[in-house]
Protein backbone atom coordinates (compact mmCIF):
# COMPACT_ATOMS: atom_id res chain seq x y z
CA VAL A 1 7.07 25.97 -28.46
CA ARG A 2 9.56 25.85 -25.57
CA GLN A 3 7.28 27.99 -23.40
CA SER A 4 4.37 25.59 -23.78
CA VAL A 5 6.56 22.64 -22.78
CA TYR A 6 7.74 24.42 -19.65
CA ALA A 7 4.18 25.45 -18.86
CA PHE A 8 3.08 21.82 -19.16
CA ASP A 9 5.91 20.68 -16.87
CA GLU A 10 4.97 23.36 -14.35
CA ILE A 11 1.29 22.42 -14.40
CA LEU A 12 2.13 18.72 -14.16
CA ASN A 13 4.59 19.12 -11.34
CA GLU A 14 2.88 21.72 -9.19
CA GLY A 15 -0.68 20.62 -9.86
CA LEU A 16 -0.21 16.92 -9.30
CA GLN A 17 2.07 17.30 -6.30
CA LYS A 18 -0.96 18.77 -4.53
CA ASN A 19 -3.35 16.21 -6.00
CA SER A 20 -5.49 14.30 -3.54
CA SER A 21 -8.02 12.71 -5.89
CA ILE A 22 -6.38 11.45 -9.12
CA LYS A 23 -5.32 7.85 -8.60
CA ARG A 24 -4.54 6.76 -12.19
CA LEU A 25 -2.60 8.83 -14.73
CA THR A 26 -1.40 8.04 -18.26
CA LEU A 27 1.10 10.32 -20.00
CA SER A 28 1.99 8.82 -23.37
CA ASN A 29 3.47 10.00 -26.66
CA LEU A 30 4.74 13.28 -25.25
CA GLU A 31 7.53 14.77 -27.33
CA ASN A 32 9.42 16.63 -24.62
CA VAL A 33 8.46 15.18 -21.27
CA ASP A 34 11.07 16.12 -18.66
CA ALA A 35 12.11 13.13 -16.55
CA SER A 36 13.12 15.39 -13.67
CA THR A 37 9.56 16.77 -13.59
CA ILE A 38 8.16 13.24 -13.54
CA ALA A 39 10.64 12.30 -10.79
CA SER A 40 9.58 15.27 -8.67
CA LEU A 41 5.92 14.37 -9.16
CA ILE A 42 6.54 10.77 -8.09
CA LYS A 43 8.56 11.86 -5.09
CA HIS A 44 6.00 14.34 -3.78
CA ASN A 45 2.67 12.76 -4.73
CA GLN A 46 1.37 10.07 -2.40
CA THR A 47 -2.07 9.70 -4.02
CA LEU A 48 -1.30 8.21 -7.44
CA GLU A 49 -1.62 4.44 -7.49
CA SER A 50 -1.01 3.90 -11.22
CA LEU A 51 1.31 5.86 -13.53
CA THR A 52 1.80 4.97 -17.19
CA LEU A 53 4.62 6.73 -19.06
CA THR A 54 4.80 4.79 -22.33
CA HIS A 55 6.23 6.10 -25.64
CA ASN A 56 7.77 9.29 -24.17
CA HIS A 57 11.40 8.96 -25.34
CA ILE A 58 12.59 8.81 -21.72
CA SER A 59 16.30 7.95 -21.68
CA SER A 60 18.23 5.76 -19.28
CA THR A 61 19.43 8.89 -17.50
CA GLY A 62 15.82 9.98 -17.05
CA ALA A 63 14.85 6.50 -15.90
CA THR A 64 17.55 6.69 -13.23
CA LEU A 65 16.04 9.93 -11.90
CA ILE A 66 12.60 8.34 -11.87
CA ALA A 67 13.91 5.19 -10.12
CA ASP A 68 15.43 7.31 -7.35
CA ALA A 69 12.08 9.04 -6.85
CA LEU A 70 10.22 5.72 -6.73
CA ARG A 71 12.22 4.75 -3.65
CA SER A 72 10.40 7.41 -1.62
CA ASN A 73 6.91 6.84 -3.05
CA ARG A 74 4.63 4.46 -1.14
CA SER A 75 1.41 4.84 -3.10
CA LEU A 76 2.30 3.68 -6.63
CA VAL A 77 1.29 0.09 -7.24
CA VAL A 78 1.38 0.10 -11.05
CA PHE A 79 4.18 1.82 -12.95
CA ASP A 80 4.74 1.41 -16.70
CA LEU A 81 7.83 2.83 -18.42
CA SER A 82 7.68 0.55 -21.44
CA HIS A 83 8.43 1.67 -25.00
CA ASN A 84 10.91 4.38 -24.04
CA ASP A 85 14.57 4.91 -25.01
CA LEU A 86 16.13 2.78 -22.29
CA ASP A 87 19.32 0.78 -22.57
CA ASP A 88 20.51 -1.82 -20.06
CA ARG A 89 21.42 0.90 -17.50
CA GLY A 90 17.91 2.34 -17.50
CA ALA A 91 16.24 -1.04 -17.30
CA LEU A 92 17.88 -1.98 -14.01
């Protein structure tokens, strides 16, 4: 099972970093989504305009990584991190 999760992260990260056509992406209800993979995607992809990451058990630590990546992204207009495992730190 671990291999398939890493393969998914690799496909997500490498494939979507090079993306030039997908503008809206929803990744929801994923058991083992890696916040650092999502952060790398956000940092390096300048095509996505909408990213929904609901119900993925992303922690406040993961949200902090994602927030740092958002600072360098200029294309995202809609970003949804609702229904994750955030506390007050991750919500800031």
